[in-house]
Amino acid sequence: MRAIDLAIKDLRQLLRNWMTALFLVIMPVVFTLMFGFAFGGFGGGEEDPRLPVGFVDQDGSRLSAGLLELLQAADAIRPVVLEGGEARADRVERAVQEEDLAAAVLVPAGYGESLLAGNPARLQIIADESKQAAIPARLGIEAAASRLAGAVEAALLSAQAYTAQSGLAADQEFQNEALERALAAWADPPLTVQVRHSGAIAQETGSPVIENGFSHTSPSMMVQFAIAGLIGAASILIRERKSGALRRLLTTAIGRVEIILGHYLAMVILILGQLVILVAFGQLALRVDYMREPLATLLVMVGTALWTAALGLLIGTWAQNEEQAIIFSLIPMFVLAGMGGAWVPLEYTGKTFQTIGHLLPTAWAMDGFENIVIRGLGLESVLLPAGIMLLYAGGLFALAAWRFRFE
């Protein structure tokens, strides 16, 4: 109870200062909005991420339409139908050169008849091989064309088998039906491979995760400014040491361990309160769905509060004055945020940078939050990040307790 009383005293002292509210809530909200809108705001999840591929149909047959359907069902590319002036060869090539299109495919006249006759039919693919998107776009087009050729071959074999069995020539209607069945088989293949992560949302039973421009910036600003909010808490320790209040506490019934735990508890409650406010703001105002896994979100919040508070306690024991407390808080904030994936997601960096980043607790805090709001994972996915953050909290607290001085 004496440690709790000391924590309550620290919290009252902190909340009387308007600078506390500035660093805890106002600054992270402002930066979240600024960077969130810069990275797409609320519309970030509506854009089709597939590579745009121009589609020019000079054949106009059922098979060219079937090719378009297969391209529309592709995972890596999406067809952009070009007609009229846009279908001119020079304009298509310019669009590819200027990277408005990753590539383009031209279906020549007679393409469908050639396939039905059992002859190989060639598509004209326009791509700039010097561009990074050219290879996956070409592979996507060739895969769709190969599927179409396989469907036609299956239809022709069905017609031949019917003729051999019945002794009657397969009419056009039978061939068309066989072709439609073969094309439909690609939309519902008999063998599929699915990769599922433990705890992930099943798309068929729940709502998919809505990712927008705030899905990364909201957790990143929370993690970053949790460290900045420690400036005031560390300054309390410095002022008490300079004024002799810490020494006088030793003459009371409260013990050394209780004094350290009281100050640490105040920092934990302060940071946890900040995270609760920012999670509520992200959920209600920014549509970042933290509450789809409330227990997992709470676990990551507690882990983040524990290690950042331990860092704040260490800063309070190390700094000799309030100016040093500011410096010792801001430098770790920028280093841990920049290296730990708060500014740029670590998956966009190289393997070496990712390895170095995961030596820092900020990377694990970001992994925990993003596993919930971006990757659609559940409680199991945050157990490792939360456990590692607890190890950091224990190590930082032990170091702070060792460095703690009452004078």
Protein backbone atom coordinates (compact mmCIF):
# COMPACT_ATOMS: atom_id res chain seq x y z
CA MET A 1 0.00 0.00 0.00
CA ARG A 2 2.91 2.38 0.70
CA ALA A 3 4.20 1.76 -2.85
CA ILE A 4 0.71 2.47 -4.25
CA ASP A 5 0.48 5.69 -2.22
CA LEU A 6 3.80 6.82 -3.68
CA ALA A 7 2.58 5.96 -7.19
CA ILE A 8 -0.59 8.00 -6.66
CA LYS A 9 1.53 10.94 -5.48
CA ASP A 10 3.66 10.74 -8.67
CA LEU A 11 0.58 10.57 -10.90
CA ARG A 12 -1.00 13.62 -9.27
CA GLN A 13 2.25 15.51 -9.67
CA LEU A 14 2.51 14.53 -13.34
CA LEU A 15 -1.08 15.28 -14.31
CA ARG A 16 -0.86 18.81 -12.90
CA ASN A 17 1.61 19.66 -15.68
CA TRP A 18 0.04 20.48 -19.07
CA MET A 19 3.23 19.29 -20.80
CA THR A 20 2.32 15.75 -19.73
CA ALA A 21 -0.92 15.85 -21.72
CA LEU A 22 0.99 17.32 -24.69
CA PHE A 23 3.48 14.45 -24.88
CA LEU A 24 1.10 11.68 -23.85
CA VAL A 25 -1.92 12.36 -26.06
CA ILE A 26 -1.85 15.48 -28.22
CA MET A 27 1.48 14.91 -29.98
CA PRO A 28 0.86 11.23 -30.88
CA VAL A 29 -2.63 12.06 -32.17
CA VAL A 30 -1.28 14.89 -34.36
CA PHE A 31 1.55 12.79 -35.76
CA THR A 32 -0.74 9.80 -36.31
CA LEU A 33 -3.12 11.93 -38.38
CA MET A 34 -0.32 13.60 -40.30
CA PHE A 35 1.55 10.46 -41.27
CA GLY A 36 -1.64 8.41 -41.66
CA PHE A 37 -3.09 10.73 -44.29
CA ALA A 38 0.31 10.88 -45.99
CA PHE A 39 0.21 7.08 -46.39
CA GLY A 40 -3.32 6.84 -47.67
CA GLY A 41 -5.63 7.72 -44.78
CA PHE A 42 -8.95 5.96 -44.79
CA GLY A 43 -8.69 4.89 -48.43
CA GLY A 44 -5.55 2.79 -48.07
CA GLY A 45 -7.39 -0.52 -48.02
CA GLU A 46 -9.57 0.00 -51.09
CA GLU A 47 -6.91 0.08 -53.81
CA ASP A 48 -6.28 -3.10 -55.81
CA PRO A 49 -2.62 -3.99 -55.14
CA ARG A 50 -2.27 -6.18 -58.27
CA LEU A 51 -0.14 -5.06 -61.20
CA PRO A 52 -2.16 -3.34 -63.95
CA VAL A 53 -1.87 -5.09 -67.32
CA GLY A 54 -3.34 -3.65 -70.52
CA PHE A 55 -5.68 -5.97 -72.46
CA VAL A 56 -6.35 -5.37 -76.16
CA ASP A 57 -8.84 -7.77 -77.78
CA GLN A 58 -8.62 -7.89 -81.58
CA ASP A 59 -10.23 -11.33 -81.75
CA GLY A 60 -13.59 -10.83 -80.07
CA SER A 61 -14.13 -14.57 -79.64
CA ARG A 62 -15.38 -16.62 -76.70
CA LEU A 63 -11.80 -17.72 -76.05
CA SER A 64 -10.43 -14.18 -75.88
CA ALA A 65 -13.21 -13.40 -73.39
CA GLY A 66 -12.18 -16.53 -71.47
CA LEU A 67 -8.61 -15.27 -71.35
CA LEU A 68 -9.86 -11.98 -69.89
CA GLU A 69 -11.78 -13.89 -67.20
CA LEU A 70 -8.68 -15.86 -66.24
CA LEU A 71 -6.65 -12.65 -66.04
CA GLN A 72 -9.30 -11.08 -63.81
CA ALA A 73 -9.05 -14.06 -61.45
CA ALA A 74 -5.24 -13.84 -61.25
CA ASP A 75 -3.59 -13.07 -57.93
CA ALA A 76 -0.70 -10.91 -59.14
CA ILE A 77 -2.14 -8.95 -62.10
CA ARG A 78 -5.38 -7.22 -63.00
CA PRO A 79 -6.39 -6.57 -66.62
CA VAL A 80 -7.19 -3.06 -67.83
CA VAL A 81 -9.32 -3.35 -70.98
CA LEU A 82 -8.12 -0.90 -73.63
CA GLU A 83 -10.46 0.13 -76.42
CA GLY A 84 -10.56 2.75 -79.13
CA GLY A 85 -7.59 5.10 -79.20
CA GLU A 86 -6.13 3.62 -76.04
CA ALA A 87 -5.68 0.31 -77.89
CA ARG A 88 -3.30 1.78 -80.45
CA ALA A 89 0.12 0.12 -80.33
CA ASP A 90 2.06 3.35 -79.82
CA ARG A 91 -0.14 4.45 -76.92
CA VAL A 92 0.05 1.05 -75.29
CA GLU A 93 3.84 1.02 -75.55
CA ARG A 94 4.02 4.54 -74.09
CA ALA A 95 1.83 3.51 -71.15
CA VAL A 96 4.17 0.59 -70.46
CA GLN A 97 7.28 2.78 -70.76
CA GLU A 98 5.83 5.39 -68.39
CA GLU A 99 4.88 2.57 -65.96
CA ASP A 100 1.18 3.36 -66.08
CA LEU A 101 0.92 -0.33 -67.02
CA ALA A 102 3.20 -3.11 -65.85
CA ALA A 103 2.75 -4.79 -69.25
CA ALA A 104 0.14 -5.27 -71.96
CA VAL A 105 -1.21 -8.24 -73.89
CA LEU A 106 -2.63 -8.06 -77.41
CA VAL A 107 -4.97 -10.88 -78.50
CA PRO A 108 -4.63 -11.10 -82.32
CA ALA A 109 -7.50 -11.82 -84.68
CA GLY A 110 -8.00 -15.55 -85.25
CA TYR A 111 -6.63 -16.43 -81.80
CA GLY A 112 -9.73 -18.41 -80.80
CA GLU A 113 -10.05 -20.27 -84.11
CA SER A 114 -6.39 -21.28 -83.96
CA LEU A 115 -6.78 -22.75 -80.48
CA LEU A 116 -9.94 -24.67 -81.43
CA ALA A 117 -8.15 -26.08 -84.45
CA GLY A 118 -5.49 -27.49 -82.10
CA ASN A 119 -2.79 -25.16 -83.38
CA PRO A 120 -0.55 -23.10 -81.06
CA ALA A 121 -1.71 -19.49 -80.86
CA ARG A 122 0.67 -16.73 -79.84
CA LEU A 123 -0.18 -13.63 -77.86
CA GLN A 124 1.71 -10.38 -78.27
CA ILE A 125 3.04 -9.28 -74.89
CA ILE A 126 4.37 -5.75 -74.55
CA ALA A 127 6.69 -5.31 -71.56
CA ASP A 128 9.79 -3.33 -70.65
CA GLU A 129 12.14 -5.95 -69.28
CA SER A 130 14.22 -3.28 -67.54
CA LYS A 131 11.29 -2.54 -65.22
CA GLN A 132 10.89 -4.56 -62.02
CA ALA A 133 7.19 -5.25 -62.62
CA ALA A 134 7.71 -6.69 -66.12
CA ILE A 135 8.67 -10.23 -65.06
CA PRO A 136 5.73 -10.95 -62.69
CA ALA A 137 3.34 -9.34 -65.19
CA ARG A 138 4.64 -11.51 -68.05
CA LEU A 139 4.48 -14.64 -65.89
CA GLY A 140 0.88 -13.84 -64.92
CA ILE A 141 -0.14 -13.41 -68.57
CA GLU A 142 1.60 -16.60 -69.65
CA ALA A 143 0.02 -18.55 -66.80
CA ALA A 144 -3.48 -17.40 -67.84
CA ALA A 145 -2.78 -18.23 -71.50
CA SER A 146 -1.49 -21.67 -70.50
CA ARG A 147 -4.64 -22.35 -68.50
CA LEU A 148 -6.81 -21.32 -71.43
CA ALA A 149 -4.88 -23.58 -73.80
CA GLY A 150 -5.26 -26.45 -71.31
CA ALA A 151 -9.02 -25.83 -71.06
CA VAL A 152 -9.36 -25.90 -74.86
CA GLU A 153 -7.31 -29.08 -75.08
CA ALA A 154 -9.51 -30.71 -72.42
CA ALA A 155 -12.62 -29.72 -74.36
CA LEU A 156 -11.21 -31.15 -77.61
CA LEU A 157 -10.29 -34.41 -75.86
CA SER A 158 -13.81 -34.64 -74.43
CA ALA A 159 -15.27 -34.24 -77.92
CA GLN A 160 -12.94 -36.93 -79.28
CA ALA A 161 -13.86 -39.32 -76.45
CA TYR A 162 -17.55 -38.73 -77.10
CA THR A 163 -17.08 -39.44 -80.80
CA ALA A 164 -15.10 -42.63 -80.09
CA GLN A 165 -17.66 -43.91 -77.62
CA SER A 166 -20.89 -43.03 -79.42
CA GLY A 167 -19.72 -43.17 -82.99
CA LEU A 168 -21.33 -39.76 -83.51
CA ALA A 169 -19.47 -36.58 -84.24
CA ALA A 170 -19.64 -34.08 -81.38
CA ASP A 171 -21.67 -31.06 -82.43
CA GLN A 172 -20.76 -27.42 -81.72
CA GLU A 173 -23.05 -27.24 -78.70
CA PHE A 174 -21.28 -30.18 -77.06
CA GLN A 175 -17.87 -28.59 -77.71
CA ASN A 176 -19.03 -25.27 -76.26
CA GLU A 177 -20.37 -26.95 -73.13
CA ALA A 178 -17.13 -28.92 -72.68
CA LEU A 179 -15.15 -25.69 -73.06
CA GLU A 180 -17.29 -23.86 -70.49
CA ARG A 181 -16.84 -26.70 -68.02
CA ALA A 182 -13.08 -26.70 -68.55
CA LEU A 183 -12.86 -22.93 -68.04
CA ALA A 184 -15.05 -23.09 -64.93
CA ALA A 185 -12.77 -25.76 -63.49
CA TRP A 186 -10.01 -23.17 -63.10
CA ALA A 187 -12.28 -21.11 -60.84
CA ASP A 188 -12.98 -24.16 -58.64
CA PRO A 189 -9.98 -26.50 -58.98
CA PRO A 190 -10.24 -29.98 -57.42
CA LEU A 191 -6.96 -29.45 -55.53
CA THR A 192 -6.11 -26.28 -53.64
CA VAL A 193 -3.34 -25.36 -51.24
CA GLN A 194 -4.23 -23.15 -48.31
CA VAL A 195 -1.80 -21.64 -45.78
CA ARG A 196 -3.34 -20.75 -42.45
CA HIS A 197 -1.72 -19.12 -39.45
CA SER A 198 -2.85 -20.04 -35.97
CA GLY A 199 -5.33 -17.49 -34.70
CA ALA A 200 -6.00 -15.88 -38.09
CA ILE A 201 -9.44 -14.72 -39.03
CA ALA A 202 -11.27 -17.13 -41.29
CA GLN A 203 -12.47 -15.00 -44.18
CA GLU A 204 -15.57 -17.09 -44.68
CA THR A 205 -16.72 -16.78 -41.07
CA GLY A 206 -15.76 -13.27 -40.06
CA SER A 207 -15.11 -9.80 -41.36
CA PRO A 208 -11.74 -9.28 -43.05
CA VAL A 209 -9.21 -6.90 -41.54
CA ILE A 210 -9.68 -3.39 -42.94
CA GLU A 211 -6.22 -1.99 -43.57
CA ASN A 212 -5.89 1.75 -44.14
CA GLY A 213 -3.21 4.40 -43.92
CA PHE A 214 -3.47 4.42 -40.12
CA SER A 215 -2.93 0.67 -39.60
CA HIS A 216 0.81 1.23 -39.30
CA THR A 217 1.02 4.84 -38.11
CA SER A 218 -1.40 4.41 -35.20
CA PRO A 219 0.64 1.70 -33.39
CA SER A 220 3.95 3.27 -34.43
CA MET A 221 3.11 6.64 -32.87
CA MET A 222 1.83 4.91 -29.74
CA VAL A 223 5.11 3.06 -29.28
CA GLN A 224 7.24 6.11 -30.10
CA PHE A 225 5.48 8.59 -27.83
CA ALA A 226 5.22 6.12 -24.97
CA ILE A 227 8.96 6.74 -24.62
CA ALA A 228 8.57 10.53 -24.95
CA GLY A 229 6.00 10.53 -22.18
CA LEU A 230 8.67 9.32 -19.75
CA ILE A 231 10.34 12.74 -19.63
CA GLY A 232 8.05 14.05 -16.90
CA ALA A 233 8.15 10.81 -14.92
CA ALA A 234 11.96 10.70 -14.95
CA SER A 235 12.10 14.37 -13.94
CA ILE A 236 10.19 13.61 -10.73
CA LEU A 237 12.97 11.27 -9.58
CA ILE A 238 15.60 13.90 -10.39
CA ARG A 239 13.78 16.66 -8.49
CA GLU A 240 13.24 14.40 -5.47
CA ARG A 241 16.89 13.46 -5.42
CA LYS A 242 18.05 17.08 -5.76
CA SER A 243 15.64 18.31 -3.06
CA GLY A 244 16.57 15.52 -0.66
CA ALA A 245 13.03 14.05 -0.67
CA LEU A 246 14.33 10.57 -1.52
CA ARG A 247 16.70 10.61 1.48
CA ARG A 248 13.93 11.80 3.79
CA LEU A 249 11.69 8.94 2.57
CA LEU A 250 14.23 6.52 4.03
CA THR A 251 13.45 7.86 7.50
CA THR A 252 9.80 6.81 7.12
CA ALA A 253 8.21 3.36 7.26
CA ILE A 254 8.54 2.90 3.47
CA GLY A 255 11.45 0.73 2.38
CA ARG A 256 13.91 1.07 -0.48
CA VAL A 257 12.21 -1.62 -2.59
CA GLU A 258 8.81 0.00 -2.05
CA ILE A 259 10.16 3.39 -3.16
CA ILE A 260 11.51 1.93 -6.39
CA LEU A 261 8.32 -0.07 -7.04
CA GLY A 262 6.14 2.98 -6.31
CA HIS A 263 7.90 5.15 -8.87
CA TYR A 264 7.90 2.29 -11.39
CA LEU A 265 4.19 1.60 -10.84
CA ALA A 266 3.39 5.28 -11.50
CA MET A 267 5.21 5.10 -14.83
CA VAL A 268 3.45 1.86 -15.79
CA ILE A 269 0.00 3.33 -15.02
CA LEU A 270 0.87 6.54 -16.87
CA ILE A 271 1.98 4.75 -20.06
CA LEU A 272 -0.84 2.22 -19.91
CA GLY A 273 -3.37 5.05 -19.59
CA GLN A 274 -1.80 6.76 -22.59
CA LEU A 275 -2.06 3.55 -24.64
CA VAL A 276 -5.70 3.04 -23.65
CA ILE A 277 -6.59 6.55 -24.86
CA LEU A 278 -4.70 6.14 -28.14
CA VAL A 279 -6.12 2.66 -28.81
CA ALA A 280 -9.63 4.03 -28.23
CA PHE A 281 -8.87 6.92 -30.60
CA GLY A 282 -7.53 4.53 -33.24
CA GLN A 283 -10.52 2.21 -32.89
CA LEU A 284 -13.28 4.84 -32.89
CA ALA A 285 -11.86 7.62 -35.06
CA LEU A 286 -9.40 5.91 -37.40
CA ARG A 287 -11.10 2.51 -37.90
CA VAL A 288 -8.01 0.58 -36.80
CA ASP A 289 -9.60 -2.57 -35.44
CA TYR A 290 -7.71 -3.22 -32.21
CA MET A 291 -10.84 -4.65 -30.57
CA ARG A 292 -11.23 -7.59 -32.92
CA GLU A 293 -8.78 -9.32 -30.54
CA PRO A 294 -9.16 -7.36 -27.26
CA LEU A 295 -7.16 -9.77 -25.09
CA ALA A 296 -4.26 -9.81 -27.53
CA THR A 297 -4.32 -6.00 -27.75
CA LEU A 298 -4.33 -5.72 -23.95
CA LEU A 299 -1.39 -8.11 -23.68
CA VAL A 300 0.69 -6.06 -26.13
CA MET A 301 -0.28 -2.83 -24.36
CA VAL A 302 0.79 -4.19 -20.96
CA GLY A 303 4.08 -5.49 -22.37
CA THR A 304 4.77 -2.11 -23.99
CA ALA A 305 3.94 -0.23 -20.78
CA LEU A 306 6.19 -2.49 -18.68
CA TRP A 307 9.36 -2.12 -20.75
CA THR A 308 8.92 1.59 -21.49
CA ALA A 309 8.30 2.29 -17.78
CA ALA A 310 11.44 0.32 -16.88
CA LEU A 311 13.34 2.44 -19.40
CA GLY A 312 11.90 5.58 -17.79
CA LEU A 313 13.02 4.39 -14.36
CA LEU A 314 16.51 3.80 -15.74
CA ILE A 315 16.57 7.29 -17.29
CA GLY A 316 15.51 8.78 -13.95
CA THR A 317 18.39 7.04 -12.16
CA TRP A 318 20.97 7.92 -14.81
CA ALA A 319 20.20 11.59 -15.54
CA GLN A 320 21.68 14.22 -13.21
CA ASN A 321 19.29 17.04 -14.13
CA GLU A 322 16.06 17.64 -16.07
CA GLU A 323 17.90 18.67 -19.24
CA GLN A 324 19.66 15.33 -19.28
CA ALA A 325 16.33 13.58 -18.68
CA ILE A 326 14.96 15.19 -21.85
CA ILE A 327 18.02 14.21 -23.88
CA PHE A 328 18.13 10.68 -22.46
CA SER A 329 14.43 10.27 -23.36
CA LEU A 330 14.43 11.76 -26.86
CA ILE A 331 17.55 9.99 -28.14
CA PRO A 332 16.24 6.49 -27.27
CA MET A 333 12.86 7.48 -28.67
CA PHE A 334 14.31 8.30 -32.09
CA VAL A 335 16.78 5.41 -32.16
CA LEU A 336 14.34 2.76 -30.95
CA ALA A 337 11.51 4.05 -33.18
CA GLY A 338 13.68 4.35 -36.30
CA MET A 339 15.51 1.04 -35.91
CA GLY A 340 12.52 -0.87 -34.53
CA GLY A 341 10.16 -0.40 -37.48
CA ALA A 342 7.98 2.42 -36.14
CA TRP A 343 8.87 4.75 -39.00
CA VAL A 344 9.28 2.21 -41.82
CA PRO A 345 7.87 -1.35 -41.49
CA LEU A 346 10.75 -3.78 -41.10
CA GLU A 347 9.33 -6.08 -43.80
CA TYR A 348 10.19 -3.34 -46.32
CA THR A 349 13.87 -3.41 -45.30
CA GLY A 350 16.66 -5.88 -45.86
CA LYS A 351 17.30 -9.02 -43.84
CA THR A 352 20.23 -7.47 -41.97
CA PHE A 353 18.22 -4.44 -40.90
CA GLN A 354 15.35 -6.71 -39.81
CA THR A 355 17.72 -8.77 -37.67
CA ILE A 356 19.17 -5.67 -36.02
CA GLY A 357 15.70 -4.17 -35.56
CA HIS A 358 14.47 -7.22 -33.68
CA LEU A 359 17.21 -6.73 -31.12
CA LEU A 360 15.10 -3.79 -29.89
CA PRO A 361 11.83 -3.98 -27.92
CA THR A 362 10.09 -1.52 -30.26
CA ALA A 363 10.22 -4.07 -33.10
CA TRP A 364 8.41 -6.63 -30.95
CA ALA A 365 5.83 -4.09 -29.85
CA MET A 366 5.17 -3.21 -33.50
CA ASP A 367 4.98 -6.91 -34.42
CA GLY A 368 2.38 -7.46 -31.71
CA PHE A 369 0.13 -4.59 -32.73
CA GLU A 370 0.46 -5.23 -36.48
CA ASN A 371 -0.21 -8.95 -36.08
CA ILE A 372 -3.63 -7.89 -34.80
CA VAL A 373 -4.60 -4.92 -36.98
CA ILE A 374 -2.83 -5.71 -40.29
CA ARG A 375 -2.08 -9.42 -40.48
CA GLY A 376 -5.39 -10.53 -38.96
CA LEU A 377 -3.82 -12.87 -36.41
CA GLY A 378 -5.03 -13.72 -32.94
CA LEU A 379 -3.84 -14.18 -29.38
CA GLU A 380 -1.22 -16.83 -30.23
CA SER A 381 0.60 -14.40 -32.51
CA VAL A 382 1.32 -11.89 -29.72
CA LEU A 383 2.56 -14.33 -27.09
CA LEU A 384 6.16 -14.26 -28.38
CA PRO A 385 6.32 -10.43 -28.76
CA ALA A 386 4.75 -9.97 -25.32
CA GLY A 387 7.14 -12.48 -23.75
CA ILE A 388 10.19 -10.78 -25.24
CA MET A 389 8.94 -7.37 -24.07
CA LEU A 390 8.59 -8.80 -20.56
CA LEU A 391 12.22 -9.96 -20.72
CA TYR A 392 13.28 -6.45 -21.76
CA ALA A 393 11.18 -5.01 -18.92
CA GLY A 394 12.86 -7.32 -16.40
CA GLY A 395 16.34 -6.51 -17.65
CA LEU A 396 15.81 -2.74 -17.72
CA PHE A 397 14.16 -2.77 -14.28
CA ALA A 398 17.04 -4.77 -12.79
CA LEU A 399 19.54 -2.33 -14.27
CA ALA A 400 17.53 0.65 -12.99
CA ALA A 401 17.25 -0.85 -9.50
CA TRP A 402 21.02 -1.42 -9.46
CA ARG A 403 21.65 2.19 -10.54
CA PHE A 404 19.06 3.69 -8.18
CA ARG A 405 20.55 6.30 -5.85
CA PHE A 406 18.78 8.14 -3.05
CA GLU A 407 21.27 11.04 -3.08
